[in-house]
Amino acid sequence: VIDFYDDLDTVLPLPAASFDLIINRHSAFNALDLERVLKPGGVFLTQQVDGRNLSDLSACFDAVQPYTAFTLEFALGLLRKTNLVIELAQEWTGKLRFKEVATLVYYLKAIPWTVPDFSVTKYRNHLEKLLQRLEADGELIFTERRMLIKAKKADSLVNDQVRSNLE
């Protein structure tokens, strides 16, 4: 496990072809550098939060999610700039349910990018509207979005050429 600040341009402080498997969860990645540090036949597996995650919740507070461009297609576009073979690319959508406004408040304080400047005082009117909705519907439901990608580095360029000639 390596802990470091990451973004789309970060170069890992690792030698080339040093890993059989790289697992990434909810963190930016430099696709070209991943290709560099994977061994031939190595796998990159990532689970990411779609940038539109909980945008319906953010909208309840007149807030906008800051990373809406980060979608499965965007992430795949990063990987398509490499020679990695995308073996799996899936989107998932689920529901996040709240039965109490107090739990929602706790959540918004713990996950500050959903409503970046959240405070009970500032958003009291929004919370009161959500309380009315909760009382009418019995729960507050919002949409979560995730993505899963598995990409593999070719065993060798020769194997890739043989495979493409056979197809």
Foldseek 3Di string as FASTA:
>chain_A
DDDDADAQPDADPDQFQADQEAEEEAHHYPLVNVLRNHHAFHKYKYKHWAQCFQQVVLVLQPHGQPRNVRHLVVVVVSNVVDQWAWPDKDKDKDKDKDQDLVVVLVVCVVVCSSHVVDDCVVRVVSSVVVVVVCVVPRIDITMTMMMIIMITHHNDVVVVVVVVVVD
